[in-house]
Amino acid sequence: MIHPRSLALLSRKGISTEGYASKSWDSLPYIPDIVITVCGNAAGEVCPAYLAPAIRAHWEVDDPDKATGSDAEIDRAFETAYKILKIRIQALLALPLAELKGDPIQLQVELDHIGTLTI
């Protein structure tokens, strides 16, 4: 289930979630070449183990669902996670992936660097 605050945040940003749902990678129609985990180890979460061959990167983001405080403070935690992920996804999409596909070591370097970007 997708957290209601996530859905509300995406709606405020004008991002439609129509037809999207959380799912297992077992139901993906293809095997991904890149797997990026975002669980926040600081929050005591365990990242799921993906056993198929893939380039892996970990982009730790504190889980806003673990935030405490007032509604405004919790909403800020969701906003912060959104902003961090947006910056990182934009950086991923800006990579010359066609070129990097032939250089998995450099791709790994780039993915690891992106995981350090913050707001």
C-alpha atoms as a PDB file:
ATOM      1  CA  MET A   1       0.000   0.000   0.000  1.00  0.00           C
ATOM      2  CA  ILE A   2       1.254   3.462  -0.867  1.00  0.00           C
ATOM      3  CA  HIS A   3       1.328   5.843   2.085  1.00  0.00           C
ATOM      4  CA  PRO A   4      -1.543   8.383   1.935  1.00  0.00           C
ATOM      5  CA  ARG A   5       0.868  11.271   2.649  1.00  0.00           C
ATOM      6  CA  SER A   6       2.954  10.207  -0.367  1.00  0.00           C
ATOM      7  CA  LEU A   7      -0.132  10.229  -2.555  1.00  0.00           C
ATOM      8  CA  ALA A   8      -1.174  13.643  -1.218  1.00  0.00           C
ATOM      9  CA  LEU A   9       2.317  15.070  -1.812  1.00  0.00           C
ATOM     10  CA  LEU A  10       2.436  13.787  -5.387  1.00  0.00           C
ATOM     11  CA  SER A  11      -1.022  15.217  -6.009  1.00  0.00           C
ATOM     12  CA  ARG A  12       0.116  18.630  -4.720  1.00  0.00           C
ATOM     13  CA  LYS A  13       3.076  18.409  -7.116  1.00  0.00           C
ATOM     14  CA  GLY A  14       0.726  17.685 -10.017  1.00  0.00           C
ATOM     15  CA  ILE A  15       2.004  14.131 -10.432  1.00  0.00           C
ATOM     16  CA  SER A  16      -0.718  11.634 -11.254  1.00  0.00           C
ATOM     17  CA  THR A  17      -0.610   8.274  -9.524  1.00  0.00           C
ATOM     18  CA  GLU A  18      -3.497   6.879 -11.561  1.00  0.00           C
ATOM     19  CA  GLY A  19      -2.884   3.231 -12.361  1.00  0.00           C
ATOM     20  CA  TYR A  20       0.255   2.943 -10.232  1.00  0.00           C
ATOM     21  CA  ALA A  21       0.613   0.600  -7.276  1.00  0.00           C
ATOM     22  CA  SER A  22       3.336  -0.811  -5.107  1.00  0.00           C
ATOM     23  CA  LYS A  23       4.417  -4.209  -6.383  1.00  0.00           C
ATOM     24  CA  SER A  24       7.013  -6.907  -5.991  1.00  0.00           C
ATOM     25  CA  TRP A  25       9.857  -7.135  -8.489  1.00  0.00           C
ATOM     26  CA  ASP A  26       8.702 -10.708  -9.048  1.00  0.00           C
ATOM     27  CA  SER A  27       5.851  -9.207 -11.069  1.00  0.00           C
ATOM     28  CA  LEU A  28       8.037  -6.976 -13.269  1.00  0.00           C
ATOM     29  CA  PRO A  29       7.791  -7.774 -16.997  1.00  0.00           C
ATOM     30  CA  TYR A  30      11.605  -7.667 -17.356  1.00  0.00           C
ATOM     31  CA  ILE A  31      14.781  -8.094 -15.317  1.00  0.00           C
ATOM     32  CA  PRO A  32      16.219  -4.692 -14.405  1.00  0.00           C
ATOM     33  CA  ASP A  33      19.811  -3.819 -15.338  1.00  0.00           C
ATOM     34  CA  ILE A  34      20.082  -1.406 -12.395  1.00  0.00           C
ATOM     35  CA  VAL A  35      18.633  -1.807  -8.913  1.00  0.00           C
ATOM     36  CA  ILE A  36      18.591   1.212  -6.604  1.00  0.00           C
ATOM     37  CA  THR A  37      17.575   0.825  -2.985  1.00  0.00           C
ATOM     38  CA  VAL A  38      16.583   3.847  -0.912  1.00  0.00           C
ATOM     39  CA  CYS A  39      15.877   2.419   2.537  1.00  0.00           C
ATOM     40  CA  GLY A  40      17.254   4.516   5.351  1.00  0.00           C
ATOM     41  CA  ASN A  41      19.647   2.384   7.361  1.00  0.00           C
ATOM     42  CA  ALA A  42      19.595   5.061  10.025  1.00  0.00           C
ATOM     43  CA  ALA A  43      15.927   4.204  10.526  1.00  0.00           C
ATOM     44  CA  GLY A  44      16.832   0.567  11.193  1.00  0.00           C
ATOM     45  CA  GLU A  45      15.309  -0.660   7.945  1.00  0.00           C
ATOM     46  CA  VAL A  46      16.588  -3.657   6.056  1.00  0.00           C
ATOM     47  CA  CYS A  47      16.901  -3.304   2.302  1.00  0.00           C
ATOM     48  CA  PRO A  48      15.370  -6.157   0.352  1.00  0.00           C
ATOM     49  CA  ALA A  49      17.834  -8.585  -1.189  1.00  0.00           C
ATOM     50  CA  TYR A  50      17.694  -8.633  -4.971  1.00  0.00           C
ATOM     51  CA  LEU A  51      19.461 -11.755  -6.172  1.00  0.00           C
ATOM     52  CA  ALA A  52      19.323 -11.425  -9.971  1.00  0.00           C
ATOM     53  CA  PRO A  53      22.353  -9.981 -11.792  1.00  0.00           C
ATOM     54  CA  ALA A  54      22.228  -6.182 -11.832  1.00  0.00           C
ATOM     55  CA  ILE A  55      24.292  -3.110 -11.071  1.00  0.00           C
ATOM     56  CA  ARG A  56      23.313  -2.037  -7.568  1.00  0.00           C
ATOM     57  CA  ALA A  57      23.354   1.317  -5.842  1.00  0.00           C
ATOM     58  CA  HIS A  58      22.102   2.405  -2.467  1.00  0.00           C
ATOM     59  CA  TRP A  59      20.703   5.919  -2.199  1.00  0.00           C
ATOM     60  CA  GLU A  60      19.825   6.112   1.479  1.00  0.00           C
ATOM     61  CA  VAL A  61      16.839   8.352   2.215  1.00  0.00           C
ATOM     62  CA  ASP A  62      15.280   8.620   5.644  1.00  0.00           C
ATOM     63  CA  ASP A  63      11.855   6.991   5.589  1.00  0.00           C
ATOM     64  CA  PRO A  64       9.327   9.793   6.125  1.00  0.00           C
ATOM     65  CA  ASP A  65       6.860   7.236   7.465  1.00  0.00           C
ATOM     66  CA  LYS A  66       9.119   6.986  10.517  1.00  0.00           C
ATOM     67  CA  ALA A  67       8.940  10.753  11.149  1.00  0.00           C
ATOM     68  CA  THR A  68       7.397  11.938  14.384  1.00  0.00           C
ATOM     69  CA  GLY A  69       6.070  15.279  15.534  1.00  0.00           C
ATOM     70  CA  SER A  70       3.303  17.541  14.367  1.00  0.00           C
ATOM     71  CA  ASP A  71       1.490  17.051  11.066  1.00  0.00           C
ATOM     72  CA  ALA A  72       3.567  19.893   9.624  1.00  0.00           C
ATOM     73  CA  GLU A  73       6.826  18.234  10.743  1.00  0.00           C
ATOM     74  CA  ILE A  74       5.790  14.899   9.259  1.00  0.00           C
ATOM     75  CA  ASP A  75       4.732  16.602   6.014  1.00  0.00           C
ATOM     76  CA  ARG A  76       8.191  18.253   5.897  1.00  0.00           C
ATOM     77  CA  ALA A  77       9.809  14.821   6.196  1.00  0.00           C
ATOM     78  CA  PHE A  78       7.812  13.620   3.174  1.00  0.00           C
ATOM     79  CA  GLU A  79       8.731  16.801   1.278  1.00  0.00           C
ATOM     80  CA  THR A  80      12.426  16.322   2.106  1.00  0.00           C
ATOM     81  CA  ALA A  81      12.411  12.720   0.882  1.00  0.00           C
ATOM     82  CA  TYR A  82      10.625  13.852  -2.298  1.00  0.00           C
ATOM     83  CA  LYS A  83      13.180  16.596  -2.978  1.00  0.00           C
ATOM     84  CA  ILE A  84      16.157  14.291  -2.416  1.00  0.00           C
ATOM     85  CA  LEU A  85      14.722  11.607  -4.677  1.00  0.00           C
ATOM     86  CA  LYS A  86      13.815  14.169  -7.341  1.00  0.00           C
ATOM     87  CA  ILE A  87      17.388  15.524  -7.453  1.00  0.00           C
ATOM     88  CA  ARG A  88      18.813  12.017  -7.674  1.00  0.00           C
ATOM     89  CA  ILE A  89      16.369  10.801 -10.323  1.00  0.00           C
ATOM     90  CA  GLN A  90      17.046  13.884 -12.442  1.00  0.00           C
ATOM     91  CA  ALA A  91      20.790  13.203 -12.163  1.00  0.00           C
ATOM     92  CA  LEU A  92      20.229   9.556 -13.151  1.00  0.00           C
ATOM     93  CA  LEU A  93      18.181  10.576 -16.189  1.00  0.00           C
ATOM     94  CA  ALA A  94      20.913  13.050 -17.218  1.00  0.00           C
ATOM     95  CA  LEU A  95      23.566  10.301 -17.377  1.00  0.00           C
ATOM     96  CA  PRO A  96      24.682   9.132 -20.817  1.00  0.00           C
ATOM     97  CA  LEU A  97      23.340   5.639 -20.101  1.00  0.00           C
ATOM     98  CA  ALA A  98      23.957   4.333 -23.619  1.00  0.00           C
ATOM     99  CA  GLU A  99      27.657   5.140 -23.211  1.00  0.00           C
ATOM    100  CA  LEU A 100      27.867   3.944 -19.625  1.00  0.00           C
ATOM    101  CA  LYS A 101      26.208   0.625 -20.445  1.00  0.00           C
ATOM    102  CA  GLY A 102      29.532  -0.461 -21.940  1.00  0.00           C
ATOM    103  CA  ASP A 103      31.458   0.697 -18.861  1.00  0.00           C
ATOM    104  CA  PRO A 104      29.799  -0.834 -15.791  1.00  0.00           C
ATOM    105  CA  ILE A 105      32.577   0.346 -13.471  1.00  0.00           C
ATOM    106  CA  GLN A 106      32.062   3.990 -14.461  1.00  0.00           C
ATOM    107  CA  LEU A 107      28.285   3.523 -14.273  1.00  0.00           C
ATOM    108  CA  GLN A 108      28.705   2.247 -10.710  1.00  0.00           C
ATOM    109  CA  VAL A 109      30.850   5.283  -9.859  1.00  0.00           C
ATOM    110  CA  GLU A 110      28.189   7.613 -11.263  1.00  0.00           C
ATOM    111  CA  LEU A 111      25.346   5.846  -9.437  1.00  0.00           C
ATOM    112  CA  ASP A 112      27.269   5.924  -6.155  1.00  0.00           C
ATOM    113  CA  HIS A 113      27.969   9.652  -6.610  1.00  0.00           C
ATOM    114  CA  ILE A 114      24.303  10.367  -7.302  1.00  0.00           C
ATOM    115  CA  GLY A 115      23.471   8.626  -4.024  1.00  0.00           C
ATOM    116  CA  THR A 116      25.375  11.368  -2.186  1.00  0.00           C
ATOM    117  CA  LEU A 117      23.389  14.257  -3.707  1.00  0.00           C
ATOM    118  CA  THR A 118      21.151  16.087  -1.280  1.00  0.00           C
ATOM    119  CA  ILE A 119      19.147  19.285  -0.973  1.00  0.00           C
END
